[in-house]
Amino acid sequence: MPKYLFKARYTAEGARGLLSDGGTGRRSATERAIASAGGTLESFYFAFGGTDVFVIADLPDNTAAASLNLVVAASDTIGSETVVLLTPEEIDEAAGRGPDWRAPGNA
């Protein structure tokens, strides 16, 4: 199952919700949302800095990941970015495919 990294930033309204729900409450809500999309939560961490939350989840496909992004974005309480994660074995497979490509300016 594909693995995704979700990086989230709370809006002021989202931060107020976090104060109300608590960290474990937000983790539980995230786990339920991921499960409803057919996936599983691998890890959930709060952080300091430009990103407030890091979530790693296994999801069936990009459509499931997009559906989560849509409902989160529609809430207007969290801004997020999604990164598709690849295993070393997937990179080995990709490297072995070798598509026909020419760099700009090269004959």
PDB file of N, CA and C in Angstrom:
ATOM      1  N   MET A   1       0.858  -1.176   0.000  1.00  0.00           N
ATOM      2  CA  MET A   1       0.000   0.000   0.000  1.00  0.00           C
ATOM      3  C   MET A   1       0.903   1.238   0.000  1.00  0.00           C
ATOM      4  N   PRO A   2       0.632   2.222  -0.860  1.00  0.00           N
ATOM      5  CA  PRO A   2       1.452   3.434  -0.889  1.00  0.00           C
ATOM      6  C   PRO A   2       1.475   4.155   0.464  1.00  0.00           C
ATOM      7  N   LYS A   3       2.589   4.822   0.706  1.00  0.00           N
ATOM      8  CA  LYS A   3       2.801   5.527   1.972  1.00  0.00           C
ATOM      9  C   LYS A   3       2.882   7.021   1.682  1.00  0.00           C
ATOM     10  N   TYR A   4       2.268   7.826   2.545  1.00  0.00           N
ATOM     11  CA  TYR A   4       2.203   9.269   2.371  1.00  0.00           C
ATOM     12  C   TYR A   4       2.634   9.978   3.646  1.00  0.00           C
ATOM     13  N   LEU A   5       3.314  11.115   3.461  1.00  0.00           N
ATOM     14  CA  LEU A   5       3.657  12.013   4.551  1.00  0.00           C
ATOM     15  C   LEU A   5       2.783  13.247   4.405  1.00  0.00           C
ATOM     16  N   PHE A   6       1.996  13.535   5.422  1.00  0.00           N
ATOM     17  CA  PHE A   6       1.161  14.732   5.453  1.00  0.00           C
ATOM     18  C   PHE A   6       1.806  15.718   6.421  1.00  0.00           C
ATOM     19  N   LYS A   7       2.041  16.929   5.941  1.00  0.00           N
ATOM     20  CA  LYS A   7       2.591  17.995   6.782  1.00  0.00           C
ATOM     21  C   LYS A   7       1.490  19.038   6.927  1.00  0.00           C
ATOM     22  N   ALA A   8       1.151  19.373   8.170  1.00  0.00           N
ATOM     23  CA  ALA A   8       0.013  20.264   8.408  1.00  0.00           C
ATOM     24  C   ALA A   8       0.402  21.469   9.246  1.00  0.00           C
ATOM     25  N   ARG A   9      -0.293  22.572   8.988  1.00  0.00           N
ATOM     26  CA  ARG A   9      -0.155  23.808   9.753  1.00  0.00           C
ATOM     27  C   ARG A   9      -1.552  24.224  10.207  1.00  0.00           C
ATOM     28  N   TYR A  10      -1.700  24.479  11.491  1.00  0.00           N
ATOM     29  CA  TYR A  10      -2.991  24.902  12.022  1.00  0.00           C
ATOM     30  C   TYR A  10      -3.233  26.380  11.753  1.00  0.00           C
ATOM     31  N   THR A  11      -4.467  26.718  11.387  1.00  0.00           N
ATOM     32  CA  THR A  11      -4.881  28.117  11.371  1.00  0.00           C
ATOM     33  C   THR A  11      -5.191  28.495  12.816  1.00  0.00           C
ATOM     34  N   ALA A  12      -5.513  29.771  13.065  1.00  0.00           N
ATOM     35  CA  ALA A  12      -5.876  30.183  14.426  1.00  0.00           C
ATOM     36  C   ALA A  12      -7.082  29.386  14.913  1.00  0.00           C
ATOM     37  N   GLU A  13      -8.058  29.196  14.042  1.00  0.00           N
ATOM     38  CA  GLU A  13      -9.242  28.412  14.429  1.00  0.00           C
ATOM     39  C   GLU A  13      -8.865  26.962  14.721  1.00  0.00           C
ATOM     40  N   GLY A  14      -7.973  26.413  13.907  1.00  0.00           N
ATOM     41  CA  GLY A  14      -7.512  25.046  14.145  1.00  0.00           C
ATOM     42  C   GLY A  14      -6.766  24.914  15.459  1.00  0.00           C
ATOM     43  N   ALA A  15      -5.948  25.908  15.796  1.00  0.00           N
ATOM     44  CA  ALA A  15      -5.223  25.889  17.070  1.00  0.00           C
ATOM     45  C   ALA A  15      -6.190  25.939  18.244  1.00  0.00           C
ATOM     46  N   ARG A  16      -7.268  26.716  18.102  1.00  0.00           N
ATOM     47  CA  ARG A  16      -8.285  26.737  19.173  1.00  0.00           C
ATOM     48  C   ARG A  16      -8.929  25.365  19.317  1.00  0.00           C
ATOM     49  N   GLY A  17      -9.175  24.702  18.203  1.00  0.00           N
ATOM     50  CA  GLY A  17      -9.724  23.344  18.253  1.00  0.00           C
ATOM     51  C   GLY A  17      -8.764  22.374  18.899  1.00  0.00           C
ATOM     52  N   LEU A  18      -7.471  22.525  18.614  1.00  0.00           N
ATOM     53  CA  LEU A  18      -6.453  21.677  19.230  1.00  0.00           C
ATOM     54  C   LEU A  18      -6.427  21.886  20.737  1.00  0.00           C
ATOM     55  N   LEU A  19      -6.526  23.142  21.169  1.00  0.00           N
ATOM     56  CA  LEU A  19      -6.581  23.412  22.610  1.00  0.00           C
ATOM     57  C   LEU A  19      -7.783  22.733  23.254  1.00  0.00           C
ATOM     58  N   SER A  20      -8.880  22.655  22.534  1.00  0.00           N
ATOM     59  CA  SER A  20     -10.098  22.032  23.050  1.00  0.00           C
ATOM     60  C   SER A  20     -10.022  20.501  23.025  1.00  0.00           C
ATOM     61  N   ASP A  21      -9.568  19.946  21.886  1.00  0.00           N
ATOM     62  CA  ASP A  21      -9.540  18.488  21.700  1.00  0.00           C
ATOM     63  C   ASP A  21      -8.340  17.813  22.344  1.00  0.00           C
ATOM     64  N   GLY A  22      -7.237  18.547  22.447  1.00  0.00           N
ATOM     65  CA  GLY A  22      -5.996  17.955  22.930  1.00  0.00           C
ATOM     66  C   GLY A  22      -5.281  17.193  21.824  1.00  0.00           C
ATOM     67  N   GLY A  23      -4.023  16.905  22.064  1.00  0.00           N
ATOM     68  CA  GLY A  23      -3.217  16.196  21.070  1.00  0.00           C
ATOM     69  C   GLY A  23      -3.708  14.801  20.774  1.00  0.00           C
ATOM     70  N   THR A  24      -4.080  14.056  21.816  1.00  0.00           N
ATOM     71  CA  THR A  24      -4.550  12.684  21.582  1.00  0.00           C
ATOM     72  C   THR A  24      -5.895  12.683  20.869  1.00  0.00           C
ATOM     73  N   GLY A  25      -6.702  13.693  21.125  1.00  0.00           N
ATOM     74  CA  GLY A  25      -7.983  13.799  20.425  1.00  0.00           C
ATOM     75  C   GLY A  25      -7.788  14.029  18.942  1.00  0.00           C
ATOM     76  N   ARG A  26      -6.810  14.879  18.579  1.00  0.00           N
ATOM     77  CA  ARG A  26      -6.535  15.137  17.164  1.00  0.00           C
ATOM     78  C   ARG A  26      -5.938  13.903  16.509  1.00  0.00           C
ATOM     79  N   ARG A  27      -5.076  13.184  17.238  1.00  0.00           N
ATOM     80  CA  ARG A  27      -4.520  11.948  16.671  1.00  0.00           C
ATOM     81  C   ARG A  27      -5.629  10.939  16.415  1.00  0.00           C
ATOM     82  N   SER A  28      -6.549  10.786  17.352  1.00  0.00           N
ATOM     83  CA  SER A  28      -7.664   9.848  17.174  1.00  0.00           C
ATOM     84  C   SER A  28      -8.536  10.239  15.982  1.00  0.00           C
ATOM     85  N   ALA A  29      -8.825  11.541  15.853  1.00  0.00           N
ATOM     86  CA  ALA A  29      -9.645  12.003  14.728  1.00  0.00           C
ATOM     87  C   ALA A  29      -8.932  11.737  13.399  1.00  0.00           C
ATOM     88  N   THR A  30      -7.625  11.940  13.380  1.00  0.00           N
ATOM     89  CA  THR A  30      -6.843  11.689  12.168  1.00  0.00           C
ATOM     90  C   THR A  30      -6.833  10.209  11.834  1.00  0.00           C
ATOM     91  N   GLU A  31      -6.667   9.380  12.844  1.00  0.00           N
ATOM     92  CA  GLU A  31      -6.654   7.930  12.629  1.00  0.00           C
ATOM     93  C   GLU A  31      -7.987   7.451  12.071  1.00  0.00           C
ATOM     94  N   ARG A  32      -9.098   7.991  12.599  1.00  0.00           N
ATOM     95  CA  ARG A  32     -10.429   7.619  12.088  1.00  0.00           C
ATOM     96  C   ARG A  32     -10.602   8.060  10.636  1.00  0.00           C
ATOM     97  N   ALA A  33     -10.142   9.257  10.313  1.00  0.00           N
ATOM     98  CA  ALA A  33     -10.271   9.758   8.941  1.00  0.00           C
ATOM     99  C   ALA A  33      -9.475   8.889   7.970  1.00  0.00           C
ATOM    100  N   ILE A  34      -8.262   8.535   8.352  1.00  0.00           N
ATOM    101  CA  ILE A  34      -7.423   7.691   7.499  1.00  0.00           C
ATOM    102  C   ILE A  34      -8.060   6.319   7.325  1.00  0.00           C
ATOM    103  N   ALA A  35      -8.576   5.742   8.405  1.00  0.00           N
ATOM    104  CA  ALA A  35      -9.239   4.438   8.330  1.00  0.00           C
ATOM    105  C   ALA A  35     -10.463   4.502   7.419  1.00  0.00           C
ATOM    106  N   SER A  36     -11.209   5.604   7.483  1.00  0.00           N
ATOM    107  CA  SER A  36     -12.406   5.724   6.648  1.00  0.00           C
ATOM    108  C   SER A  36     -12.051   5.816   5.163  1.00  0.00           C
ATOM    109  N   ALA A  37     -10.798   6.202   4.862  1.00  0.00           N
ATOM    110  CA  ALA A  37     -10.324   6.252   3.480  1.00  0.00           C
ATOM    111  C   ALA A  37      -9.655   4.934   3.078  1.00  0.00           C
ATOM    112  N   GLY A  38      -9.708   3.935   3.971  1.00  0.00           N
ATOM    113  CA  GLY A  38      -9.145   2.619   3.668  1.00  0.00           C
ATOM    114  C   GLY A  38      -7.692   2.451   4.047  1.00  0.00           C
ATOM    115  N   GLY A  39      -7.175   3.373   4.880  1.00  0.00           N
ATOM    116  CA  GLY A  39      -5.769   3.322   5.233  1.00  0.00           C
ATOM    117  C   GLY A  39      -5.499   3.082   6.694  1.00  0.00           C
ATOM    118  N   THR A  40      -4.219   3.159   7.046  1.00  0.00           N
ATOM    119  CA  THR A  40      -3.798   3.004   8.437  1.00  0.00           C
ATOM    120  C   THR A  40      -2.802   4.108   8.783  1.00  0.00           C
ATOM    121  N   LEU A  41      -2.866   4.557  10.013  1.00  0.00           N
ATOM    122  CA  LEU A  41      -1.954   5.567  10.533  1.00  0.00           C
ATOM    123  C   LEU A  41      -0.684   4.878  11.013  1.00  0.00           C
ATOM    124  N   GLU A  42       0.457   5.309  10.498  1.00  0.00           N
ATOM    125  CA  GLU A  42       1.734   4.763  10.958  1.00  0.00           C
ATOM    126  C   GLU A  42       2.294   5.610  12.092  1.00  0.00           C
ATOM    127  N   SER A  43       2.303   6.941  11.907  1.00  0.00           N
ATOM    128  CA  SER A  43       2.835   7.804  12.952  1.00  0.00           C
ATOM    129  C   SER A  43       2.179   9.178  12.889  1.00  0.00           C
ATOM    130  N   PHE A  44       2.160   9.832  14.040  1.00  0.00           N
ATOM    131  CA  PHE A  44       1.550  11.159  14.185  1.00  0.00           C
ATOM    132  C   PHE A  44       2.397  11.917  15.189  1.00  0.00           C
ATOM    133  N   TYR A  45       2.990  13.034  14.754  1.00  0.00           N
ATOM    134  CA  TYR A  45       3.837  13.826  15.640  1.00  0.00           C
ATOM    135  C   TYR A  45       3.529  15.309  15.513  1.00  0.00           C
ATOM    136  N   PHE A  46       3.497  15.993  16.645  1.00  0.00           N
ATOM    137  CA  PHE A  46       3.447  17.447  16.668  1.00  0.00           C
ATOM    138  C   PHE A  46       4.878  17.950  16.623  1.00  0.00           C
ATOM    139  N   ALA A  47       5.064  19.189  16.117  1.00  0.00           N
ATOM    140  CA  ALA A  47       6.411  19.731  15.986  1.00  0.00           C
ATOM    141  C   ALA A  47       6.386  21.240  16.158  1.00  0.00           C
ATOM    142  N   PHE A  48       7.563  21.799  16.412  1.00  0.00           N
ATOM    143  CA  PHE A  48       7.754  23.246  16.433  1.00  0.00           C
ATOM    144  C   PHE A  48       8.184  23.674  15.037  1.00  0.00           C
ATOM    145  N   GLY A  49       8.022  24.941  14.736  1.00  0.00           N
ATOM    146  CA  GLY A  49       8.514  25.465  13.474  1.00  0.00           C
ATOM    147  C   GLY A  49       7.398  25.685  12.468  1.00  0.00           C
ATOM    148  N   GLY A  50       7.745  25.629  11.195  1.00  0.00           N
ATOM    149  CA  GLY A  50       6.796  25.911  10.127  1.00  0.00           C
ATOM    150  C   GLY A  50       5.729  24.863   9.937  1.00  0.00           C
ATOM    151  N   THR A  51       5.966  23.658  10.416  1.00  0.00           N
ATOM    152  CA  THR A  51       4.988  22.569  10.320  1.00  0.00           C
ATOM    153  C   THR A  51       4.565  22.180  11.724  1.00  0.00           C
ATOM    154  N   ASP A  52       3.254  22.132  11.951  1.00  0.00           N
ATOM    155  CA  ASP A  52       2.732  21.797  13.283  1.00  0.00           C
ATOM    156  C   ASP A  52       2.570  20.300  13.510  1.00  0.00           C
ATOM    157  N   VAL A  53       2.272  19.554  12.424  1.00  0.00           N
ATOM    158  CA  VAL A  53       1.987  18.121  12.550  1.00  0.00           C
ATOM    159  C   VAL A  53       2.609  17.368  11.376  1.00  0.00           C
ATOM    160  N   PHE A  54       3.207  16.226  11.681  1.00  0.00           N
ATOM    161  CA  PHE A  54       3.697  15.293  10.665  1.00  0.00           C
ATOM    162  C   PHE A  54       2.938  13.986  10.837  1.00  0.00           C
ATOM    163  N   VAL A  55       2.318  13.516   9.765  1.00  0.00           N
ATOM    164  CA  VAL A  55       1.561  12.259   9.788  1.00  0.00           C
ATOM    165  C   VAL A  55       2.087  11.376   8.671  1.00  0.00           C
ATOM    166  N   ILE A  56       2.359  10.120   8.987  1.00  0.00           N
ATOM    167  CA  ILE A  56       2.687   9.134   7.953  1.00  0.00           C
ATOM    168  C   ILE A  56       1.570   8.103   7.962  1.00  0.00           C
ATOM    169  N   ALA A  57       1.035   7.851   6.764  1.00  0.00           N
ATOM    170  CA  ALA A  57      -0.093   6.929   6.639  1.00  0.00           C
ATOM    171  C   ALA A  57       0.067   6.050   5.409  1.00  0.00           C
ATOM    172  N   ASP A  58      -0.452   4.839   5.505  1.00  0.00           N
ATOM    173  CA  ASP A  58      -0.581   3.946   4.363  1.00  0.00           C
ATOM    174  C   ASP A  58      -1.997   4.109   3.844  1.00  0.00           C
ATOM    175  N   LEU A  59      -2.121   4.361   2.541  1.00  0.00           N
ATOM    176  CA  LEU A  59      -3.434   4.541   1.916  1.00  0.00           C
ATOM    177  C   LEU A  59      -3.494   3.725   0.637  1.00  0.00           C
ATOM    178  N   PRO A  60      -4.695   3.349   0.212  1.00  0.00           N
ATOM    179  CA  PRO A  60      -4.813   2.492  -0.970  1.00  0.00           C
ATOM    180  C   PRO A  60      -4.246   3.103  -2.250  1.00  0.00           C
ATOM    181  N   ASP A  61      -4.387   4.429  -2.418  1.00  0.00           N
ATOM    182  CA  ASP A  61      -3.965   5.052  -3.667  1.00  0.00           C
ATOM    183  C   ASP A  61      -3.996   6.575  -3.544  1.00  0.00           C
ATOM    184  N   ASN A  62      -3.596   7.243  -4.625  1.00  0.00           N
ATOM    185  CA  ASN A  62      -3.587   8.706  -4.633  1.00  0.00           C
ATOM    186  C   ASN A  62      -4.980   9.298  -4.465  1.00  0.00           C
ATOM    187  N   THR A  63      -5.993   8.615  -4.961  1.00  0.00           N
ATOM    188  CA  THR A  63      -7.363   9.109  -4.822  1.00  0.00           C
ATOM    189  C   THR A  63      -7.765   9.165  -3.354  1.00  0.00           C
ATOM    190  N   ALA A  64      -7.401   8.162  -2.587  1.00  0.00           N
ATOM    191  CA  ALA A  64      -7.709   8.164  -1.151  1.00  0.00           C
ATOM    192  C   ALA A  64      -6.964   9.305  -0.458  1.00  0.00           C
ATOM    193  N   ALA A  65      -5.704   9.525  -0.829  1.00  0.00           N
ATOM    194  CA  ALA A  65      -4.937  10.627  -0.239  1.00  0.00           C
ATOM    195  C   ALA A  65      -5.560  11.969  -0.613  1.00  0.00           C
ATOM    196  N   ALA A  66      -5.983  12.102  -1.869  1.00  0.00           N
ATOM    197  CA  ALA A  66      -6.618  13.348  -2.310  1.00  0.00           C
ATOM    198  C   ALA A  66      -7.933  13.589  -1.579  1.00  0.00           C
ATOM    199  N   SER A  67      -8.687  12.539  -1.320  1.00  0.00           N
ATOM    200  CA  SER A  67      -9.963  12.711  -0.611  1.00  0.00           C
ATOM    201  C   SER A  67      -9.733  13.236   0.797  1.00  0.00           C
ATOM    202  N   LEU A  68      -8.685  12.760   1.459  1.00  0.00           N
ATOM    203  CA  LEU A  68      -8.345  13.287   2.784  1.00  0.00           C
ATOM    204  C   LEU A  68      -7.948  14.756   2.693  1.00  0.00           C
ATOM    205  N   ASN A  69      -7.121  15.079   1.699  1.00  0.00           N
ATOM    206  CA  ASN A  69      -6.709  16.473   1.525  1.00  0.00           C
ATOM    207  C   ASN A  69      -7.903  17.389   1.305  1.00  0.00           C
ATOM    208  N   LEU A  70      -8.863  16.935   0.520  1.00  0.00           N
ATOM    209  CA  LEU A  70     -10.028  17.766   0.223  1.00  0.00           C
ATOM    210  C   LEU A  70     -10.850  18.073   1.473  1.00  0.00           C
ATOM    211  N   VAL A  71     -11.107  17.063   2.300  1.00  0.00           N
ATOM    212  CA  VAL A  71     -11.923  17.326   3.493  1.00  0.00           C
ATOM    213  C   VAL A  71     -11.165  18.171   4.502  1.00  0.00           C
ATOM    214  N   VAL A  72      -9.856  17.982   4.589  1.00  0.00           N
ATOM    215  CA  VAL A  72      -9.048  18.803   5.502  1.00  0.00           C
ATOM    216  C   VAL A  72      -9.041  20.249   5.013  1.00  0.00           C
ATOM    217  N   ALA A  73      -8.795  20.452   3.726  1.00  0.00           N
ATOM    218  CA  ALA A  73      -8.754  21.809   3.176  1.00  0.00           C
ATOM    219  C   ALA A  73     -10.107  22.505   3.324  1.00  0.00           C
ATOM    220  N   ALA A  74     -11.179  21.761   3.136  1.00  0.00           N
ATOM    221  CA  ALA A  74     -12.515  22.348   3.236  1.00  0.00           C
ATOM    222  C   ALA A  74     -12.845  22.792   4.654  1.00  0.00           C
ATOM    223  N   SER A  75     -12.162  22.233   5.649  1.00  0.00           N
ATOM    224  CA  SER A  75     -12.424  22.618   7.037  1.00  0.00           C
ATOM    225  C   SER A  75     -11.927  24.022   7.347  1.00  0.00           C
ATOM    226  N   ASP A  76     -10.985  24.516   6.563  1.00  0.00           N
ATOM    227  CA  ASP A  76     -10.394  25.841   6.753  1.00  0.00           C
ATOM    228  C   ASP A  76      -9.719  25.990   8.118  1.00  0.00           C
ATOM    229  N   THR A  77      -9.335  24.873   8.732  1.00  0.00           N
ATOM    230  CA  THR A  77      -8.656  24.906  10.025  1.00  0.00           C
ATOM    231  C   THR A  77      -7.212  24.414   9.934  1.00  0.00           C
ATOM    232  N   ILE A  78      -6.879  23.815   8.800  1.00  0.00           N
ATOM    233  CA  ILE A  78      -5.549  23.233   8.624  1.00  0.00           C
ATOM    234  C   ILE A  78      -5.119  23.453   7.175  1.00  0.00           C
ATOM    235  N   GLY A  79      -3.875  23.888   6.997  1.00  0.00           N
ATOM    236  CA  GLY A  79      -3.252  23.887   5.682  1.00  0.00           C
ATOM    237  C   GLY A  79      -2.328  22.690   5.626  1.00  0.00           C
ATOM    238  N   SER A  80      -2.284  22.007   4.499  1.00  0.00           N
ATOM    239  CA  SER A  80      -1.462  20.801   4.469  1.00  0.00           C
ATOM    240  C   SER A  80      -0.717  20.654   3.157  1.00  0.00           C
ATOM    241  N   GLU A  81       0.287  19.804   3.211  1.00  0.00           N
ATOM    242  CA  GLU A  81       1.077  19.413   2.049  1.00  0.00           C
ATOM    243  C   GLU A  81       1.220  17.899   2.125  1.00  0.00           C
ATOM    244  N   THR A  82       1.123  17.238   0.983  1.00  0.00           N
ATOM    245  CA  THR A  82       1.238  15.786   0.948  1.00  0.00           C
ATOM    246  C   THR A  82       2.461  15.389   0.135  1.00  0.00           C
ATOM    247  N   VAL A  83       3.226  14.443   0.664  1.00  0.00           N
ATOM    248  CA  VAL A  83       4.410  13.928  -0.006  1.00  0.00           C
ATOM    249  C   VAL A  83       4.213  12.421  -0.179  1.00  0.00           C
ATOM    250  N   VAL A  84       4.354  11.940  -1.413  1.00  0.00           N
ATOM    251  CA  VAL A  84       4.310  10.496  -1.662  1.00  0.00           C
ATOM    252  C   VAL A  84       5.675   9.939  -1.289  1.00  0.00           C
ATOM    253  N   LEU A  85       5.695   8.950  -0.424  1.00  0.00           N
ATOM    254  CA  LEU A  85       6.950   8.344   0.027  1.00  0.00           C
ATOM    255  C   LEU A  85       7.226   7.069  -0.772  1.00  0.00           C
ATOM    256  N   LEU A  86       8.482   6.869  -1.119  1.00  0.00           N
ATOM    257  CA  LEU A  86       8.893   5.697  -1.887  1.00  0.00           C
ATOM    258  C   LEU A  86       9.897   4.877  -1.092  1.00  0.00           C
ATOM    259  N   THR A  87       9.800   3.574  -1.208  1.00  0.00           N
ATOM    260  CA  THR A  87      10.754   2.688  -0.545  1.00  0.00           C
ATOM    261  C   THR A  87      12.036   2.615  -1.370  1.00  0.00           C
ATOM    262  N   PRO A  88      13.135   2.172  -0.763  1.00  0.00           N
ATOM    263  CA  PRO A  88      14.357   1.967  -1.541  1.00  0.00           C
ATOM    264  C   PRO A  88      14.145   0.981  -2.698  1.00  0.00           C
ATOM    265  N   GLU A  89      13.311  -0.017  -2.480  1.00  0.00           N
ATOM    266  CA  GLU A  89      13.040  -1.003  -3.530  1.00  0.00           C
ATOM    267  C   GLU A  89      12.303  -0.369  -4.712  1.00  0.00           C
ATOM    268  N   GLU A  90      11.400   0.572  -4.423  1.00  0.00           N
ATOM    269  CA  GLU A  90      10.700   1.264  -5.507  1.00  0.00           C
ATOM    270  C   GLU A  90      11.675   2.122  -6.317  1.00  0.00           C
ATOM    271  N   ILE A  91      12.650   2.736  -5.650  1.00  0.00           N
ATOM    272  CA  ILE A  91      13.670   3.509  -6.358  1.00  0.00           C
ATOM    273  C   ILE A  91      14.529   2.579  -7.208  1.00  0.00           C
ATOM    274  N   ASP A  92      14.874   1.394  -6.690  1.00  0.00           N
ATOM    275  CA  ASP A  92      15.626   0.422  -7.485  1.00  0.00           C
ATOM    276  C   ASP A  92      14.857   0.066  -8.760  1.00  0.00           C
ATOM    277  N   GLU A  93      13.565  -0.172  -8.619  1.00  0.00           N
ATOM    278  CA  GLU A  93      12.733  -0.504  -9.782  1.00  0.00           C
ATOM    279  C   GLU A  93      12.682   0.668 -10.764  1.00  0.00           C
ATOM    280  N   ALA A  94      12.519   1.874 -10.246  1.00  0.00           N
ATOM    281  CA  ALA A  94      12.467   3.054 -11.110  1.00  0.00           C
ATOM    282  C   ALA A  94      13.791   3.240 -11.858  1.00  0.00           C
ATOM    283  N   ALA A  95      14.901   3.039 -11.162  1.00  0.00           N
ATOM    284  CA  ALA A  95      16.210   3.200 -11.787  1.00  0.00           C
ATOM    285  C   ALA A  95      16.422   2.180 -12.899  1.00  0.00           C
ATOM    286  N   GLY A  96      15.836   1.013 -12.756  1.00  0.00           N
ATOM    287  CA  GLY A  96      15.979  -0.046 -13.755  1.00  0.00           C
ATOM    288  C   GLY A  96      15.131   0.160 -14.995  1.00  0.00           C
ATOM    289  N   ARG A  97      14.163   1.041 -14.948  1.00  0.00           N
ATOM    290  CA  ARG A  97      13.284   1.248 -16.101  1.00  0.00           C
ATOM    291  C   ARG A  97      13.941   2.079 -17.186  1.00  0.00           C
ATOM    292  N   GLY A  98      14.727   3.085 -16.822  1.00  0.00           N
ATOM    293  CA  GLY A  98      15.503   3.873 -17.770  1.00  0.00           C
ATOM    294  C   GLY A  98      14.734   4.392 -18.970  1.00  0.00           C
ATOM    295  N   PRO A  99      13.787   5.306 -18.779  1.00  0.00           N
ATOM    296  CA  PRO A  99      13.072   5.839 -19.931  1.00  0.00           C
ATOM    297  C   PRO A  99      14.013   6.604 -20.870  1.00  0.00           C
ATOM    298  N   ASP A 100      13.627   6.711 -22.123  1.00  0.00           N
ATOM    299  CA  ASP A 100      14.408   7.422 -23.132  1.00  0.00           C
ATOM    300  C   ASP A 100      14.185   8.909 -22.961  1.00  0.00           C
ATOM    301  N   TRP A 101      15.235   9.609 -22.516  1.00  0.00           N
ATOM    302  CA  TRP A 101      15.127  11.064 -22.252  1.00  0.00           C
ATOM    303  C   TRP A 101      16.418  11.731 -22.642  1.00  0.00           C
ATOM    304  N   ARG A 102      16.321  12.932 -23.199  1.00  0.00           N
ATOM    305  CA  ARG A 102      17.484  13.725 -23.597  1.00  0.00           C
ATOM    306  C   ARG A 102      17.465  15.029 -22.827  1.00  0.00           C
ATOM    307  N   ALA A 103      18.595  15.397 -22.220  1.00  0.00           N
ATOM    308  CA  ALA A 103      18.701  16.655 -21.501  1.00  0.00           C
ATOM    309  C   ALA A 103      18.607  17.828 -22.479  1.00  0.00           C
ATOM    310  N   PRO A 104      18.054  18.949 -22.069  1.00  0.00           N
ATOM    311  CA  PRO A 104      17.970  20.106 -22.952  1.00  0.00           C
ATOM    312  C   PRO A 104      19.353  20.515 -23.468  1.00  0.00           C
ATOM    313  N   GLY A 105      19.450  20.767 -24.773  1.00  0.00           N
ATOM    314  CA  GLY A 105      20.693  21.208 -25.376  1.00  0.00           C
ATOM    315  C   GLY A 105      21.627  20.072 -25.767  1.00  0.00           C
ATOM    316  N   ASN A 106      21.331  18.846 -25.378  1.00  0.00           N
ATOM    317  CA  ASN A 106      22.175  17.698 -25.754  1.00  0.00           C
ATOM    318  C   ASN A 106      21.595  17.035 -26.990  1.00  0.00           C
ATOM    319  N   ALA A 107      22.474  16.628 -27.872  1.00  0.00           N
ATOM    320  CA  ALA A 107      22.011  15.999 -29.122  1.00  0.00           C
ATOM    321  C   ALA A 107      21.642  14.554 -28.922  1.00  0.00           C
TER     322      ALA A 107
END
